[in-house]
PDB file of N, CA and C in Angstrom:
ATOM      1  N   UNK A   1      89.867  10.861  94.388  1.00  0.00           N
ATOM      2  CA  UNK A   1      90.921  11.712  94.903  1.00  0.00           C
ATOM      3  C   UNK A   1      90.728  11.796  96.423  1.00  0.00           C
ATOM      4  N   UNK A   2      91.825  11.509  97.135  1.00  0.00           N
ATOM      5  CA  UNK A   2      91.821  11.603  98.585  1.00  0.00           C
ATOM      6  C   UNK A   2      92.549  12.875  99.003  1.00  0.00           C
ATOM      7  N   UNK A   3      92.361  13.287 100.229  1.00  0.00           N
ATOM      8  CA  UNK A   3      93.133  14.400 100.741  1.00  0.00           C
ATOM      9  C   UNK A   3      93.954  13.904 101.940  1.00  0.00           C
ATOM     10  N   UNK A   4      95.281  14.102 101.846  1.00  0.00           N
ATOM     11  CA  UNK A   4      96.186  13.711 102.915  1.00  0.00           C
ATOM     12  C   UNK A   4      97.092  14.863 103.252  1.00  0.00           C
ATOM     13  N   UNK A   5      97.122  15.245 104.506  1.00  0.00           N
ATOM     14  CA  UNK A   5      97.951  16.376 104.945  1.00  0.00           C
ATOM     15  C   UNK A   5      97.731  17.621 104.111  1.00  0.00           C
ATOM     16  N   UNK A   6      96.463  17.879 103.750  1.00  0.00           N
ATOM     17  CA  UNK A   6      96.142  19.059 102.982  1.00  0.00           C
ATOM     18  C   UNK A   6      96.447  19.011 101.503  1.00  0.00           C
ATOM     19  N   UNK A   7      96.896  17.842 101.002  1.00  0.00           N
ATOM     20  CA  UNK A   7      97.194  17.701  99.594  1.00  0.00           C
ATOM     21  C   UNK A   7      96.253  16.699  98.952  1.00  0.00           C
ATOM     22  N   UNK A   8      95.953  16.916  97.684  1.00  0.00           N
ATOM     23  CA  UNK A   8      95.155  15.959  96.918  1.00  0.00           C
ATOM     24  C   UNK A   8      96.051  14.787  96.486  1.00  0.00           C
ATOM     25  N   UNK A   9      95.511  13.569  96.660  1.00  0.00           N
ATOM     26  CA  UNK A   9      96.238  12.345  96.304  1.00  0.00           C
ATOM     27  C   UNK A   9      95.353  11.491  95.388  1.00  0.00           C
ATOM     28  N   UNK A  10      95.801  11.207  94.169  1.00  0.00           N
ATOM     29  CA  UNK A  10      95.000  10.344  93.300  1.00  0.00           C
ATOM     30  C   UNK A  10      94.889   8.946  93.870  1.00  0.00           C
ATOM     31  N   UNK A  11      93.692   8.385  93.856  1.00  0.00           N
ATOM     32  CA  UNK A  11      93.439   7.046  94.362  1.00  0.00           C
ATOM     33  C   UNK A  11      92.638   6.261  93.310  1.00  0.00           C
ATOM     34  N   UNK A  12      92.979   5.010  93.093  1.00  0.00           N
ATOM     35  CA  UNK A  12      92.349   4.188  92.059  1.00  0.00           C
ATOM     36  C   UNK A  12      91.812   2.932  92.713  1.00  0.00           C
ATOM     37  N   UNK A  13      90.778   2.368  92.122  1.00  0.00           N
ATOM     38  CA  UNK A  13      90.270   1.070  92.573  1.00  0.00           C
ATOM     39  C   UNK A  13      90.725  -0.002  91.588  1.00  0.00           C
ATOM     40  N   UNK A  14      91.409  -1.011  92.137  1.00  0.00           N
ATOM     41  CA  UNK A  14      91.904  -2.113  91.319  1.00  0.00           C
ATOM     42  C   UNK A  14      90.901  -3.280  91.532  1.00  0.00           C
ATOM     43  N   UNK A  15      90.336  -3.755  90.461  1.00  0.00           N
ATOM     44  CA  UNK A  15      89.409  -4.882  90.535  1.00  0.00           C
ATOM     45  C   UNK A  15      90.200  -6.179  90.305  1.00  0.00           C
ATOM     46  N   UNK A  16      90.127  -7.063  91.292  1.00  0.00           N
ATOM     47  CA  UNK A  16      90.867  -8.330  91.229  1.00  0.00           C
ATOM     48  C   UNK A  16      89.867  -9.471  91.098  1.00  0.00           C
ATOM     49  N   UNK A  17      90.155 -10.405  90.184  1.00  0.00           N
ATOM     50  CA  UNK A  17      89.343 -11.603  90.001  1.00  0.00           C
ATOM     51  C   UNK A  17      90.233 -12.827  90.104  1.00  0.00           C
ATOM     52  N   UNK A  18      89.816 -13.794  90.870  1.00  0.00           N
ATOM     53  CA  UNK A  18      90.567 -15.017  91.040  1.00  0.00           C
ATOM     54  C   UNK A  18      89.631 -16.201  90.716  1.00  0.00           C
ATOM     55  N   UNK A  19      89.989 -16.924  89.656  1.00  0.00           N
ATOM     56  CA  UNK A  19      89.178 -18.065  89.263  1.00  0.00           C
ATOM     57  C   UNK A  19      89.853 -19.321  89.764  1.00  0.00           C
ATOM     58  N   UNK A  20      89.082 -20.162  90.459  1.00  0.00           N
ATOM     59  CA  UNK A  20      89.593 -21.429  90.947  1.00  0.00           C
ATOM     60  C   UNK A  20      89.942 -22.351  89.823  1.00  0.00           C
ATOM     61  N   UNK A  21      90.875 -23.280  90.094  1.00  0.00           N
ATOM     62  CA  UNK A  21      91.250 -24.276  89.110  1.00  0.00           C
ATOM     63  C   UNK A  21      89.974 -25.049  88.761  1.00  0.00           C
ATOM     64  N   UNK A  22      89.741 -25.258  87.490  1.00  0.00           N
ATOM     65  CA  UNK A  22      88.527 -25.919  87.010  1.00  0.00           C
ATOM     66  C   UNK A  22      87.423 -24.957  86.726  1.00  0.00           C
ATOM     67  N   UNK A  23      87.601 -23.719  87.096  1.00  0.00           N
ATOM     68  CA  UNK A  23      86.629 -22.661  86.770  1.00  0.00           C
ATOM     69  C   UNK A  23      85.309 -22.724  87.472  1.00  0.00           C
ATOM     70  N   UNK A  24      85.216 -23.470  88.574  1.00  0.00           N
ATOM     71  CA  UNK A  24      83.949 -23.624  89.258  1.00  0.00           C
ATOM     72  C   UNK A  24      83.483 -22.332  89.927  1.00  0.00           C
ATOM     73  N   UNK A  25      84.406 -21.590  90.492  1.00  0.00           N
ATOM     74  CA  UNK A  25      84.034 -20.404  91.217  1.00  0.00           C
ATOM     75  C   UNK A  25      85.032 -19.268  90.966  1.00  0.00           C
ATOM     76  N   UNK A  26      84.530 -18.059  90.868  1.00  0.00           N
ATOM     77  CA  UNK A  26      85.393 -16.890  90.713  1.00  0.00           C
ATOM     78  C   UNK A  26      85.148 -15.956  91.902  1.00  0.00           C
ATOM     79  N   UNK A  27      86.246 -15.526  92.515  1.00  0.00           N
ATOM     80  CA  UNK A  27      86.148 -14.584  93.612  1.00  0.00           C
ATOM     81  C   UNK A  27      86.595 -13.211  93.099  1.00  0.00           C
ATOM     82  N   UNK A  28      85.878 -12.174  93.480  1.00  0.00           N
ATOM     83  CA  UNK A  28      86.178 -10.806  93.055  1.00  0.00           C
ATOM     84  C   UNK A  28      86.255  -9.903  94.261  1.00  0.00           C
ATOM     85  N   UNK A  29      87.181  -8.945  94.205  1.00  0.00           N
ATOM     86  CA  UNK A  29      87.259  -7.929  95.228  1.00  0.00           C
ATOM     87  C   UNK A  29      87.932  -6.679  94.638  1.00  0.00           C
ATOM     88  N   UNK A  30      87.773  -5.584  95.342  1.00  0.00           N
ATOM     89  CA  UNK A  30      88.343  -4.332  94.918  1.00  0.00           C
ATOM     90  C   UNK A  30      89.329  -3.834  95.961  1.00  0.00           C
ATOM     91  N   UNK A  31      90.480  -3.347  95.466  1.00  0.00           N
ATOM     92  CA  UNK A  31      91.532  -2.856  96.349  1.00  0.00           C
ATOM     93  C   UNK A  31      91.847  -1.408  95.986  1.00  0.00           C
ATOM     94  N   UNK A  32      91.737  -0.503  96.942  1.00  0.00           N
ATOM     95  CA  UNK A  32      92.105   0.909  96.672  1.00  0.00           C
ATOM     96  C   UNK A  32      93.624   1.060  96.734  1.00  0.00           C
ATOM     97  N   UNK A  33      94.166   1.796  95.766  1.00  0.00           N
ATOM     98  CA  UNK A  33      95.624   2.064  95.734  1.00  0.00           C
ATOM     99  C   UNK A  33      95.857   3.488  95.306  1.00  0.00           C
ATOM    100  N   UNK A  34      96.869   4.107  95.920  1.00  0.00           N
ATOM    101  CA  UNK A  34      97.246   5.485  95.560  1.00  0.00           C
ATOM    102  C   UNK A  34      98.288   5.464  94.453  1.00  0.00           C
ATOM    103  N   UNK A  35      98.370   6.594  93.738  1.00  0.00           N
ATOM    104  CA  UNK A  35      99.297   6.697  92.614  1.00  0.00           C
ATOM    105  C   UNK A  35     100.729   6.391  93.050  1.00  0.00           C
ATOM    106  N   UNK A  36     101.148   6.877  94.203  1.00  0.00           N
ATOM    107  CA  UNK A  36     102.539   6.616  94.633  1.00  0.00           C
ATOM    108  C   UNK A  36     102.793   5.139  94.872  1.00  0.00           C
ATOM    109  N   UNK A  37     101.752   4.336  95.201  1.00  0.00           N
ATOM    110  CA  UNK A  37     101.929   2.910  95.369  1.00  0.00           C
ATOM    111  C   UNK A  37     102.203   2.263  94.011  1.00  0.00           C
ATOM    112  N   UNK A  38     101.552   2.725  92.965  1.00  0.00           N
ATOM    113  CA  UNK A  38     101.841   2.212  91.639  1.00  0.00           C
ATOM    114  C   UNK A  38     103.261   2.609  91.219  1.00  0.00           C
ATOM    115  N   UNK A  39     103.660   3.818  91.566  1.00  0.00           N
ATOM    116  CA  UNK A  39     105.017   4.277  91.198  1.00  0.00           C
ATOM    117  C   UNK A  39     106.065   3.453  91.929  1.00  0.00           C
ATOM    118  N   UNK A  40     105.861   3.139  93.214  1.00  0.00           N
ATOM    119  CA  UNK A  40     106.802   2.323  93.970  1.00  0.00           C
ATOM    120  C   UNK A  40     106.881   0.913  93.395  1.00  0.00           C
ATOM    121  N   UNK A  41     105.716   0.331  93.050  1.00  0.00           N
ATOM    122  CA  UNK A  41     105.718  -1.004  92.428  1.00  0.00           C
ATOM    123  C   UNK A  41     106.447  -0.976  91.106  1.00  0.00           C
ATOM    124  N   UNK A  42     106.202   0.044  90.311  1.00  0.00           N
ATOM    125  CA  UNK A  42     106.879   0.155  89.014  1.00  0.00           C
ATOM    126  C   UNK A  42     108.398   0.233  89.177  1.00  0.00           C
ATOM    127  N   UNK A  43     108.840   0.995  90.133  1.00  0.00           N
ATOM    128  CA  UNK A  43     110.266   1.157  90.396  1.00  0.00           C
ATOM    129  C   UNK A  43     110.908  -0.202  90.775  1.00  0.00           C
ATOM    130  N   UNK A  44     110.243  -0.953  91.634  1.00  0.00           N
ATOM    131  CA  UNK A  44     110.749  -2.245  92.058  1.00  0.00           C
ATOM    132  C   UNK A  44     110.720  -3.270  90.912  1.00  0.00           C
ATOM    133  N   UNK A  45     109.672  -3.280  90.129  1.00  0.00           N
ATOM    134  CA  UNK A  45     109.599  -4.180  89.003  1.00  0.00           C
ATOM    135  C   UNK A  45     110.626  -3.852  87.926  1.00  0.00           C
ATOM    136  N   UNK A  46     110.883  -2.561  87.761  1.00  0.00           N
ATOM    137  CA  UNK A  46     111.891  -2.100  86.755  1.00  0.00           C
ATOM    138  C   UNK A  46     113.281  -2.568  87.121  1.00  0.00           C
ATOM    139  N   UNK A  47     113.565  -2.754  88.407  1.00  0.00           N
ATOM    140  CA  UNK A  47     114.862  -3.279  88.807  1.00  0.00           C
ATOM    141  C   UNK A  47     115.021  -4.722  88.340  1.00  0.00           C
ATOM    142  N   UNK A  48     113.951  -5.476  88.347  1.00  0.00           N
ATOM    143  CA  UNK A  48     113.990  -6.887  87.937  1.00  0.00           C
ATOM    144  C   UNK A  48     113.837  -7.023  86.420  1.00  0.00           C
ATOM    145  N   UNK A  49     113.054  -6.105  85.823  1.00  0.00           N
ATOM    146  CA  UNK A  49     112.748  -6.172  84.418  1.00  0.00           C
ATOM    147  C   UNK A  49     113.049  -4.803  83.787  1.00  0.00           C
ATOM    148  N   UNK A  50     114.322  -4.551  83.374  1.00  0.00           N
ATOM    149  CA  UNK A  50     114.722  -3.236  82.881  1.00  0.00           C
ATOM    150  C   UNK A  50     113.878  -2.700  81.727  1.00  0.00           C
ATOM    151  N   UNK A  51     113.270  -3.574  80.936  1.00  0.00           N
ATOM    152  CA  UNK A  51     112.455  -3.094  79.808  1.00  0.00           C
ATOM    153  C   UNK A  51     111.246  -2.266  80.310  1.00  0.00           C
ATOM    154  N   UNK A  52     110.851  -2.430  81.557  1.00  0.00           N
ATOM    155  CA  UNK A  52     109.722  -1.670  82.105  1.00  0.00           C
ATOM    156  C   UNK A  52     110.056  -0.214  82.336  1.00  0.00           C
ATOM    157  N   UNK A  53     111.350   0.118  82.336  1.00  0.00           N
ATOM    158  CA  UNK A  53     111.744   1.505  82.523  1.00  0.00           C
ATOM    159  C   UNK A  53     111.203   2.403  81.419  1.00  0.00           C
ATOM    160  N   UNK A  54     110.922   1.794  80.258  1.00  0.00           N
ATOM    161  CA  UNK A  54     110.385   2.544  79.119  1.00  0.00           C
ATOM    162  C   UNK A  54     108.921   2.942  79.334  1.00  0.00           C
ATOM    163  N   UNK A  55     108.253   2.234  80.229  1.00  0.00           N
ATOM    164  CA  UNK A  55     106.824   2.471  80.478  1.00  0.00           C
ATOM    165  C   UNK A  55     106.686   3.743  81.327  1.00  0.00           C
ATOM    166  N   UNK A  56     105.902   4.678  80.837  1.00  0.00           N
ATOM    167  CA  UNK A  56     105.704   5.987  81.501  1.00  0.00           C
ATOM    168  C   UNK A  56     104.452   5.931  82.359  1.00  0.00           C
ATOM    169  N   UNK A  57     104.608   6.150  83.672  1.00  0.00           N
ATOM    170  CA  UNK A  57     103.462   6.235  84.546  1.00  0.00           C
ATOM    171  C   UNK A  57     103.068   7.694  84.747  1.00  0.00           C
ATOM    172  N   UNK A  58     101.822   7.913  85.162  1.00  0.00           N
ATOM    173  CA  UNK A  58     101.393   9.303  85.446  1.00  0.00           C
ATOM    174  C   UNK A  58     102.254   9.890  86.546  1.00  0.00           C
ATOM    175  N   UNK A  59     102.432  11.206  86.488  1.00  0.00           N
ATOM    176  CA  UNK A  59     103.257  11.872  87.511  1.00  0.00           C
ATOM    177  C   UNK A  59     102.598  13.201  87.905  1.00  0.00           C
ATOM    178  N   UNK A  60     102.490  13.393  89.200  1.00  0.00           N
ATOM    179  CA  UNK A  60     101.945  14.657  89.710  1.00  0.00           C
ATOM    180  C   UNK A  60     102.904  15.822  89.501  1.00  0.00           C
ATOM    181  N   UNK A  61     104.193  15.523  89.422  1.00  0.00           N
ATOM    182  CA  UNK A  61     105.191  16.588  89.286  1.00  0.00           C
ATOM    183  C   UNK A  61     105.065  17.316  87.958  1.00  0.00           C
ATOM    184  N   UNK A  62     104.396  16.717  87.000  1.00  0.00           N
ATOM    185  CA  UNK A  62     104.211  17.339  85.669  1.00  0.00           C
ATOM    186  C   UNK A  62     102.991  18.230  85.651  1.00  0.00           C
ATOM    187  N   UNK A  63     102.201  18.221  86.711  1.00  0.00           N
ATOM    188  CA  UNK A  63     100.982  19.021  86.740  1.00  0.00           C
ATOM    189  C   UNK A  63     101.278  20.428  87.269  1.00  0.00           C
ATOM    190  N   UNK A  64     100.718  21.442  86.610  1.00  0.00           N
ATOM    191  CA  UNK A  64     100.877  22.806  87.167  1.00  0.00           C
ATOM    192  C   UNK A  64     100.148  22.906  88.494  1.00  0.00           C
ATOM    193  N   UNK A  65     100.843  23.336  89.523  1.00  0.00           N
ATOM    194  CA  UNK A  65     100.270  23.511  90.837  1.00  0.00           C
ATOM    195  C   UNK A  65      99.746  22.204  91.433  1.00  0.00           C
ATOM    196  N   UNK A  66     100.131  21.079  90.837  1.00  0.00           N
ATOM    197  CA  UNK A  66      99.708  19.752  91.290  1.00  0.00           C
ATOM    198  C   UNK A  66      98.157  19.677  91.450  1.00  0.00           C
ATOM    199  N   UNK A  67      97.471  20.332  90.538  1.00  0.00           N
ATOM    200  CA  UNK A  67      95.996  20.307  90.595  1.00  0.00           C
ATOM    201  C   UNK A  67      95.491  19.086  89.848  1.00  0.00           C
ATOM    202  N   UNK A  68      94.725  18.290  90.547  1.00  0.00           N
ATOM    203  CA  UNK A  68      94.226  17.043  89.994  1.00  0.00           C
ATOM    204  C   UNK A  68      92.816  17.298  89.502  1.00  0.00           C
ATOM    205  N   UNK A  69      92.573  17.105  88.222  1.00  0.00           N
ATOM    206  CA  UNK A  69      91.252  17.271  87.676  1.00  0.00           C
ATOM    207  C   UNK A  69      90.803  15.973  87.000  1.00  0.00           C
ATOM    208  N   UNK A  70      89.602  15.984  86.480  1.00  0.00           N
ATOM    209  CA  UNK A  70      89.014  14.793  85.848  1.00  0.00           C
ATOM    210  C   UNK A  70      89.850  14.335  84.667  1.00  0.00           C
ATOM    211  N   UNK A  71      90.377  15.291  83.901  1.00  0.00           N
ATOM    212  CA  UNK A  71      91.192  14.964  82.728  1.00  0.00           C
ATOM    213  C   UNK A  71      92.450  14.181  83.153  1.00  0.00           C
ATOM    214  N   UNK A  72      93.131  14.651  84.229  1.00  0.00           N
ATOM    215  CA  UNK A  72      94.311  13.947  84.710  1.00  0.00           C
ATOM    216  C   UNK A  72      93.937  12.536  85.188  1.00  0.00           C
ATOM    217  N   UNK A  73      92.834  12.430  85.931  1.00  0.00           N
ATOM    218  CA  UNK A  73      92.429  11.114  86.436  1.00  0.00           C
ATOM    219  C   UNK A  73      92.123  10.146  85.318  1.00  0.00           C
ATOM    220  N   UNK A  74      91.426  10.609  84.295  1.00  0.00           N
ATOM    221  CA  UNK A  74      91.088   9.732  83.158  1.00  0.00           C
ATOM    222  C   UNK A  74      92.358   9.309  82.418  1.00  0.00           C
ATOM    223  N   UNK A  75      93.252  10.257  82.138  1.00  0.00           N
ATOM    224  CA  UNK A  75      94.482   9.948  81.433  1.00  0.00           C
ATOM    225  C   UNK A  75      95.333   8.976  82.246  1.00  0.00           C
ATOM    226  N   UNK A  76      95.467   9.205  83.530  1.00  0.00           N
ATOM    227  CA  UNK A  76      96.305   8.332  84.339  1.00  0.00           C
ATOM    228  C   UNK A  76      95.676   6.953  84.479  1.00  0.00           C
ATOM    229  N   UNK A  77      94.347   6.885  84.545  1.00  0.00           N
ATOM    230  CA  UNK A  77      93.687   5.568  84.617  1.00  0.00           C
ATOM    231  C   UNK A  77      94.011   4.788  83.348  1.00  0.00           C
ATOM    232  N   UNK A  78      93.945   5.432  82.188  1.00  0.00           N
ATOM    233  CA  UNK A  78      94.274   4.757  80.937  1.00  0.00           C
ATOM    234  C   UNK A  78      95.715   4.290  80.909  1.00  0.00           C
ATOM    235  N   UNK A  79      96.640   5.121  81.395  1.00  0.00           N
ATOM    236  CA  UNK A  79      98.057   4.734  81.430  1.00  0.00           C
ATOM    237  C   UNK A  79      98.248   3.531  82.322  1.00  0.00           C
ATOM    238  N   UNK A  80      97.614   3.512  83.480  1.00  0.00           N
ATOM    239  CA  UNK A  80      97.767   2.404  84.401  1.00  0.00           C
ATOM    240  C   UNK A  80      97.119   1.124  83.897  1.00  0.00           C
ATOM    241  N   UNK A  81      96.075   1.231  83.105  1.00  0.00           N
ATOM    242  CA  UNK A  81      95.407   0.060  82.522  1.00  0.00           C
ATOM    243  C   UNK A  81      96.233  -0.613  81.442  1.00  0.00           C
ATOM    244  N   UNK A  82      97.142   0.153  80.849  1.00  0.00           N
ATOM    245  CA  UNK A  82      97.947  -0.413  79.747  1.00  0.00           C
ATOM    246  C   UNK A  82      99.244  -0.847  80.269  1.00  0.00           C
TER     247      UNK A  82
END
């Protein structure tokens, strides 16, 4: 969880693996992304693939007082992984 402008912002680490053709070498790196970046990506992908509109992403607007706790982070991580 990051703090921006006095508000808590969920942040996730995305692990990326790239295997070269032939499988000789694999490169790995981690990219930090905020929840709103996933939501923007989802919105853009849904325009191209309407079936994705059915996929429900985590939303801060559904949280009382927008309080981010461990339970919310775990649930949203699972939703983003699927």
